Amino acid sequence: MGEAKRRREALGEDYGKEERILPWIPITKSQSEQFLQITSRGAWIGIGILVATWLTVRIIGPGFGWWAVN
């Protein structure tokens, strides 16, 4: 219990608050982790859209082009 009291006295008003990445950036560690999760999910969604578009252009598109000519 003594260590907790010393830490609370040393930190003052910052005791119990989340730790920031850098003191001059108002972003906490949990916010940065959440940002990474969201951007990773968005990147995978983008990759999926890219693959679907590529398949459409490469495989389905030429099929419709041949059909329109004949």
PDB file of N, CA and C in Angstrom:
ATOM      1  N   MET A   1       0.821  -1.185   0.000  1.00  0.00           N
ATOM      2  CA  MET A   1       0.000   0.000   0.000  1.00  0.00           C
ATOM      3  C   MET A   1       0.869   1.254   0.000  1.00  0.00           C
ATOM      4  N   GLY A   2       2.040   1.196   0.547  1.00  0.00           N
ATOM      5  CA  GLY A   2       2.906   2.362   0.607  1.00  0.00           C
ATOM      6  C   GLY A   2       3.356   2.815  -0.770  1.00  0.00           C
ATOM      7  N   GLU A   3       3.609   1.869  -1.680  1.00  0.00           N
ATOM      8  CA  GLU A   3       4.041   2.222  -3.034  1.00  0.00           C
ATOM      9  C   GLU A   3       2.951   2.976  -3.777  1.00  0.00           C
ATOM     10  N   ALA A   4       1.721   2.568  -3.616  1.00  0.00           N
ATOM     11  CA  ALA A   4       0.613   3.241  -4.294  1.00  0.00           C
ATOM     12  C   ALA A   4       0.477   4.680  -3.795  1.00  0.00           C
ATOM     13  N   LYS A   5       0.653   4.889  -2.534  1.00  0.00           N
ATOM     14  CA  LYS A   5       0.565   6.242  -1.985  1.00  0.00           C
ATOM     15  C   LYS A   5       1.695   7.117  -2.516  1.00  0.00           C
ATOM     16  N   ARG A   6       2.902   6.556  -2.578  1.00  0.00           N
ATOM     17  CA  ARG A   6       4.034   7.328  -3.109  1.00  0.00           C
ATOM     18  C   ARG A   6       3.811   7.683  -4.580  1.00  0.00           C
ATOM     19  N   ARG A   7       3.282   6.725  -5.328  1.00  0.00           N
ATOM     20  CA  ARG A   7       3.034   6.977  -6.749  1.00  0.00           C
ATOM     21  C   ARG A   7       1.957   8.052  -6.922  1.00  0.00           C
ATOM     22  N   ARG A   8       0.899   7.972  -6.115  1.00  0.00           N
ATOM     23  CA  ARG A   8      -0.174   8.958  -6.187  1.00  0.00           C
ATOM     24  C   ARG A   8       0.344  10.351  -5.838  1.00  0.00           C
ATOM     25  N   GLU A   9       1.195  10.428  -4.842  1.00  0.00           N
ATOM     26  CA  GLU A   9       1.762  11.725  -4.463  1.00  0.00           C
ATOM     27  C   GLU A   9       2.705  12.245  -5.546  1.00  0.00           C
ATOM     28  N   ALA A  10       3.463  11.354  -6.177  1.00  0.00           N
ATOM     29  CA  ALA A  10       4.419  11.778  -7.200  1.00  0.00           C
ATOM     30  C   ALA A  10       3.693  12.243  -8.469  1.00  0.00           C
ATOM     31  N   LEU A  11       2.615  11.548  -8.845  1.00  0.00           N
ATOM     32  CA  LEU A  11       1.911  11.901 -10.075  1.00  0.00           C
ATOM     33  C   LEU A  11       0.933  13.055  -9.889  1.00  0.00           C
ATOM     34  N   GLY A  12       0.412  13.217  -8.689  1.00  0.00           N
ATOM     35  CA  GLY A  12      -0.517  14.317  -8.425  1.00  0.00           C
ATOM     36  C   GLY A  12      -1.822  14.141  -9.196  1.00  0.00           C
ATOM     37  N   GLU A  13      -2.172  15.130 -10.021  1.00  0.00           N
ATOM     38  CA  GLU A  13      -3.439  15.097 -10.758  1.00  0.00           C
ATOM     39  C   GLU A  13      -3.451  14.033 -11.856  1.00  0.00           C
ATOM     40  N   ASP A  14      -2.295  13.607 -12.315  1.00  0.00           N
ATOM     41  CA  ASP A  14      -2.229  12.622 -13.392  1.00  0.00           C
ATOM     42  C   ASP A  14      -2.423  11.188 -12.901  1.00  0.00           C
ATOM     43  N   TYR A  15      -2.569  10.992 -11.597  1.00  0.00           N
ATOM     44  CA  TYR A  15      -2.730   9.650 -11.044  1.00  0.00           C
ATOM     45  C   TYR A  15      -4.064   9.059 -11.515  1.00  0.00           C
ATOM     46  N   GLY A  16      -4.010   7.859 -12.080  1.00  0.00           N
ATOM     47  CA  GLY A  16      -5.213   7.177 -12.537  1.00  0.00           C
ATOM     48  C   GLY A  16      -5.590   7.477 -13.982  1.00  0.00           C
ATOM     49  N   LYS A  17      -4.932   8.422 -14.598  1.00  0.00           N
ATOM     50  CA  LYS A  17      -5.211   8.736 -15.997  1.00  0.00           C
ATOM     51  C   LYS A  17      -4.385   7.828 -16.897  1.00  0.00           C
ATOM     52  N   GLU A  18      -4.892   7.622 -18.121  1.00  0.00           N
ATOM     53  CA  GLU A  18      -4.155   6.793 -19.068  1.00  0.00           C
ATOM     54  C   GLU A  18      -2.878   7.488 -19.506  1.00  0.00           C
ATOM     55  N   GLU A  19      -1.887   6.670 -19.780  1.00  0.00           N
ATOM     56  CA  GLU A  19      -0.593   7.198 -20.202  1.00  0.00           C
ATOM     57  C   GLU A  19      -0.648   7.600 -21.675  1.00  0.00           C
ATOM     58  N   ARG A  20      -0.051   8.745 -21.977  1.00  0.00           N
ATOM     59  CA  ARG A  20       0.002   9.212 -23.358  1.00  0.00           C
ATOM     60  C   ARG A  20       1.200   8.617 -24.075  1.00  0.00           C
ATOM     61  N   ILE A  21       1.108   8.592 -25.412  1.00  0.00           N
ATOM     62  CA  ILE A  21       2.224   8.091 -26.207  1.00  0.00           C
ATOM     63  C   ILE A  21       3.423   9.012 -26.028  1.00  0.00           C
ATOM     64  N   LEU A  22       3.214  10.279 -26.281  1.00  0.00           N
ATOM     65  CA  LEU A  22       4.217  11.318 -26.053  1.00  0.00           C
ATOM     66  C   LEU A  22       3.556  12.429 -25.246  1.00  0.00           C
ATOM     67  N   PRO A  23       4.291  13.108 -24.399  1.00  0.00           N
ATOM     68  CA  PRO A  23       3.668  14.126 -23.547  1.00  0.00           C
ATOM     69  C   PRO A  23       2.998  15.258 -24.332  1.00  0.00           C
ATOM     70  N   TRP A  24       3.488  15.564 -25.505  1.00  0.00           N
ATOM     71  CA  TRP A  24       2.950  16.691 -26.258  1.00  0.00           C
ATOM     72  C   TRP A  24       1.908  16.278 -27.295  1.00  0.00           C
ATOM     73  N   ILE A  25       1.562  14.983 -27.374  1.00  0.00           N
ATOM     74  CA  ILE A  25       0.503  14.510 -28.268  1.00  0.00           C
ATOM     75  C   ILE A  25      -0.652  14.007 -27.400  1.00  0.00           C
ATOM     76  N   PRO A  26      -1.847  14.584 -27.562  1.00  0.00           N
ATOM     77  CA  PRO A  26      -2.969  14.192 -26.693  1.00  0.00           C
ATOM     78  C   PRO A  26      -3.643  12.889 -27.127  1.00  0.00           C
ATOM     79  N   ILE A  27      -2.862  11.832 -27.337  1.00  0.00           N
ATOM     80  CA  ILE A  27      -3.393  10.527 -27.732  1.00  0.00           C
ATOM     81  C   ILE A  27      -2.907   9.495 -26.724  1.00  0.00           C
ATOM     82  N   THR A  28      -3.852   8.736 -26.177  1.00  0.00           N
ATOM     83  CA  THR A  28      -3.479   7.716 -25.203  1.00  0.00           C
ATOM     84  C   THR A  28      -3.112   6.422 -25.921  1.00  0.00           C
ATOM     85  N   LYS A  29      -2.541   5.514 -25.169  1.00  0.00           N
ATOM     86  CA  LYS A  29      -2.123   4.239 -25.758  1.00  0.00           C
ATOM     87  C   LYS A  29      -3.323   3.430 -26.243  1.00  0.00           C
ATOM     88  N   SER A  30      -4.422   3.448 -25.508  1.00  0.00           N
ATOM     89  CA  SER A  30      -5.600   2.683 -25.937  1.00  0.00           C
ATOM     90  C   SER A  30      -6.206   3.286 -27.206  1.00  0.00           C
ATOM     91  N   GLN A  31      -6.154   4.612 -27.354  1.00  0.00           N
ATOM     92  CA  GLN A  31      -6.646   5.239 -28.583  1.00  0.00           C
ATOM     93  C   GLN A  31      -5.778   4.851 -29.768  1.00  0.00           C
ATOM     94  N   SER A  32      -4.481   4.742 -29.563  1.00  0.00           N
ATOM     95  CA  SER A  32      -3.606   4.358 -30.670  1.00  0.00           C
ATOM     96  C   SER A  32      -3.845   2.903 -31.073  1.00  0.00           C
ATOM     97  N   GLU A  33      -4.109   2.028 -30.101  1.00  0.00           N
ATOM     98  CA  GLU A  33      -4.414   0.636 -30.412  1.00  0.00           C
ATOM     99  C   GLU A  33      -5.723   0.528 -31.183  1.00  0.00           C
ATOM    100  N   GLN A  34      -6.722   1.314 -30.785  1.00  0.00           N
ATOM    101  CA  GLN A  34      -8.006   1.318 -31.484  1.00  0.00           C
ATOM    102  C   GLN A  34      -7.831   1.830 -32.914  1.00  0.00           C
ATOM    103  N   PHE A  35      -7.015   2.844 -33.104  1.00  0.00           N
ATOM    104  CA  PHE A  35      -6.746   3.378 -34.441  1.00  0.00           C
ATOM    105  C   PHE A  35      -6.108   2.311 -35.325  1.00  0.00           C
ATOM    106  N   LEU A  36      -5.161   1.560 -34.783  1.00  0.00           N
ATOM    107  CA  LEU A  36      -4.515   0.495 -35.554  1.00  0.00           C
ATOM    108  C   LEU A  36      -5.504  -0.598 -35.941  1.00  0.00           C
ATOM    109  N   GLN A  37      -6.410  -0.957 -35.041  1.00  0.00           N
ATOM    110  CA  GLN A  37      -7.419  -1.970 -35.357  1.00  0.00           C
ATOM    111  C   GLN A  37      -8.331  -1.506 -36.481  1.00  0.00           C
ATOM    112  N   ILE A  38      -8.784  -0.255 -36.416  1.00  0.00           N
ATOM    113  CA  ILE A  38      -9.694   0.277 -37.427  1.00  0.00           C
ATOM    114  C   ILE A  38      -9.002   0.379 -38.781  1.00  0.00           C
ATOM    115  N   THR A  39      -7.772   0.881 -38.805  1.00  0.00           N
ATOM    116  CA  THR A  39      -7.070   1.027 -40.079  1.00  0.00           C
ATOM    117  C   THR A  39      -6.705  -0.327 -40.673  1.00  0.00           C
ATOM    118  N   SER A  40      -6.392  -1.307 -39.839  1.00  0.00           N
ATOM    119  CA  SER A  40      -6.099  -2.649 -40.352  1.00  0.00           C
ATOM    120  C   SER A  40      -7.344  -3.261 -40.986  1.00  0.00           C
ATOM    121  N   ARG A  41      -8.480  -3.108 -40.326  1.00  0.00           N
ATOM    122  CA  ARG A  41      -9.732  -3.619 -40.874  1.00  0.00           C
ATOM    123  C   ARG A  41     -10.050  -2.917 -42.193  1.00  0.00           C
ATOM    124  N   GLY A  42      -9.856  -1.612 -42.237  1.00  0.00           N
ATOM    125  CA  GLY A  42     -10.093  -0.862 -43.469  1.00  0.00           C
ATOM    126  C   GLY A  42      -9.172  -1.295 -44.596  1.00  0.00           C
ATOM    127  N   ALA A  43      -7.930  -1.598 -44.264  1.00  0.00           N
ATOM    128  CA  ALA A  43      -6.986  -2.061 -45.284  1.00  0.00           C
ATOM    129  C   ALA A  43      -7.426  -3.398 -45.859  1.00  0.00           C
ATOM    130  N   TRP A  44      -7.884  -4.322 -45.020  1.00  0.00           N
ATOM    131  CA  TRP A  44      -8.345  -5.626 -45.524  1.00  0.00           C
ATOM    132  C   TRP A  44      -9.601  -5.477 -46.372  1.00  0.00           C
ATOM    133  N   ILE A  45     -10.479  -4.562 -45.997  1.00  0.00           N
ATOM    134  CA  ILE A  45     -11.671  -4.302 -46.809  1.00  0.00           C
ATOM    135  C   ILE A  45     -11.247  -3.756 -48.166  1.00  0.00           C
ATOM    136  N   GLY A  46     -10.288  -2.846 -48.172  1.00  0.00           N
ATOM    137  CA  GLY A  46      -9.776  -2.292 -49.434  1.00  0.00           C
ATOM    138  C   GLY A  46      -9.145  -3.353 -50.311  1.00  0.00           C
ATOM    139  N   ILE A  47      -8.408  -4.274 -49.708  1.00  0.00           N
ATOM    140  CA  ILE A  47      -7.793  -5.368 -50.475  1.00  0.00           C
ATOM    141  C   ILE A  47      -8.884  -6.241 -51.093  1.00  0.00           C
ATOM    142  N   GLY A  48      -9.926  -6.528 -50.336  1.00  0.00           N
ATOM    143  CA  GLY A  48     -11.041  -7.329 -50.851  1.00  0.00           C
ATOM    144  C   GLY A  48     -11.738  -6.647 -52.020  1.00  0.00           C
ATOM    145  N   ILE A  49     -11.959  -5.333 -51.914  1.00  0.00           N
ATOM    146  CA  ILE A  49     -12.572  -4.579 -53.015  1.00  0.00           C
ATOM    147  C   ILE A  49     -11.660  -4.589 -54.229  1.00  0.00           C
ATOM    148  N   LEU A  50     -10.367  -4.449 -54.019  1.00  0.00           N
ATOM    149  CA  LEU A  50      -9.402  -4.476 -55.122  1.00  0.00           C
ATOM    150  C   LEU A  50      -9.443  -5.813 -55.854  1.00  0.00           C
ATOM    151  N   VAL A  51      -9.475  -6.909 -55.100  1.00  0.00           N
ATOM    152  CA  VAL A  51      -9.522  -8.242 -55.712  1.00  0.00           C
ATOM    153  C   VAL A  51     -10.824  -8.425 -56.484  1.00  0.00           C
ATOM    154  N   ALA A  52     -11.942  -8.008 -55.896  1.00  0.00           N
ATOM    155  CA  ALA A  52     -13.236  -8.140 -56.580  1.00  0.00           C
ATOM    156  C   ALA A  52     -13.260  -7.315 -57.859  1.00  0.00           C
ATOM    157  N   THR A  53     -12.728  -6.109 -57.820  1.00  0.00           N
ATOM    158  CA  THR A  53     -12.668  -5.268 -59.016  1.00  0.00           C
ATOM    159  C   THR A  53     -11.767  -5.895 -60.070  1.00  0.00           C
ATOM    160  N   TRP A  54     -10.630  -6.411 -59.657  1.00  0.00           N
ATOM    161  CA  TRP A  54      -9.710  -7.035 -60.603  1.00  0.00           C
ATOM    162  C   TRP A  54     -10.364  -8.236 -61.284  1.00  0.00           C
ATOM    163  N   LEU A  55     -11.048  -9.074 -60.491  1.00  0.00           N
ATOM    164  CA  LEU A  55     -11.728 -10.228 -61.073  1.00  0.00           C
ATOM    165  C   LEU A  55     -12.804  -9.793 -62.065  1.00  0.00           C
ATOM    166  N   THR A  56     -13.525  -8.745 -61.719  1.00  0.00           N
ATOM    167  CA  THR A  56     -14.566  -8.246 -62.618  1.00  0.00           C
ATOM    168  C   THR A  56     -13.964  -7.766 -63.923  1.00  0.00           C
ATOM    169  N   VAL A  57     -12.927  -6.986 -63.862  1.00  0.00           N
ATOM    170  CA  VAL A  57     -12.310  -6.430 -65.063  1.00  0.00           C
ATOM    171  C   VAL A  57     -11.611  -7.518 -65.871  1.00  0.00           C
ATOM    172  N   ARG A  58     -10.938  -8.434 -65.206  1.00  0.00           N
ATOM    173  CA  ARG A  58     -10.110  -9.434 -65.886  1.00  0.00           C
ATOM    174  C   ARG A  58     -10.912 -10.600 -66.444  1.00  0.00           C
ATOM    175  N   ILE A  59     -11.956 -11.034 -65.736  1.00  0.00           N
ATOM    176  CA  ILE A  59     -12.677 -12.245 -66.130  1.00  0.00           C
ATOM    177  C   ILE A  59     -14.081 -11.933 -66.675  1.00  0.00           C
ATOM    178  N   ILE A  60     -14.857 -11.187 -65.931  1.00  0.00           N
ATOM    179  CA  ILE A  60     -16.244 -10.932 -66.323  1.00  0.00           C
ATOM    180  C   ILE A  60     -16.321  -9.916 -67.454  1.00  0.00           C
ATOM    181  N   GLY A  61     -15.495  -8.881 -67.401  1.00  0.00           N
ATOM    182  CA  GLY A  61     -15.508  -7.832 -68.427  1.00  0.00           C
ATOM    183  C   GLY A  61     -15.272  -8.348 -69.828  1.00  0.00           C
ATOM    184  N   PRO A  62     -14.239  -9.126 -70.082  1.00  0.00           N
ATOM    185  CA  PRO A  62     -14.020  -9.656 -71.439  1.00  0.00           C
ATOM    186  C   PRO A  62     -15.175 -10.537 -71.927  1.00  0.00           C
ATOM    187  N   GLY A  63     -15.823 -11.243 -71.025  1.00  0.00           N
ATOM    188  CA  GLY A  63     -16.971 -12.061 -71.408  1.00  0.00           C
ATOM    189  C   GLY A  63     -18.107 -11.215 -71.957  1.00  0.00           C
ATOM    190  N   PHE A  64     -18.378 -10.100 -71.336  1.00  0.00           N
ATOM    191  CA  PHE A  64     -19.415  -9.198 -71.824  1.00  0.00           C
ATOM    192  C   PHE A  64     -18.980  -8.499 -73.107  1.00  0.00           C
ATOM    193  N   GLY A  65     -17.703  -8.244 -73.252  1.00  0.00           N
ATOM    194  CA  GLY A  65     -17.204  -7.622 -74.474  1.00  0.00           C
ATOM    195  C   GLY A  65     -17.361  -8.537 -75.683  1.00  0.00           C
ATOM    196  N   TRP A  66     -17.114  -9.814 -75.497  1.00  0.00           N
ATOM    197  CA  TRP A  66     -17.274 -10.782 -76.572  1.00  0.00           C
ATOM    198  C   TRP A  66     -18.734 -10.922 -76.948  1.00  0.00           C
ATOM    199  N   TRP A  67     -19.615 -10.900 -75.944  1.00  0.00           N
ATOM    200  CA  TRP A  67     -21.048 -11.029 -76.156  1.00  0.00           C
ATOM    201  C   TRP A  67     -21.602  -9.834 -76.936  1.00  0.00           C
ATOM    202  N   ALA A  68     -21.105  -8.643 -76.662  1.00  0.00           N
ATOM    203  CA  ALA A  68     -21.593  -7.435 -77.317  1.00  0.00           C
ATOM    204  C   ALA A  68     -21.136  -7.383 -78.767  1.00  0.00           C
ATOM    205  N   VAL A  69     -19.993  -7.939 -79.106  1.00  0.00           N
ATOM    206  CA  VAL A  69     -19.470  -7.904 -80.467  1.00  0.00           C
ATOM    207  C   VAL A  69     -20.240  -8.888 -81.346  1.00  0.00           C
ATOM    208  N   ASN A  70     -20.558 -10.062 -80.850  1.00  0.00           N
ATOM    209  CA  ASN A  70     -21.233 -11.083 -81.657  1.00  0.00           C
ATOM    210  C   ASN A  70     -22.679 -10.867 -81.617  1.00  0.00           C
TER     211      ASN A  70
END
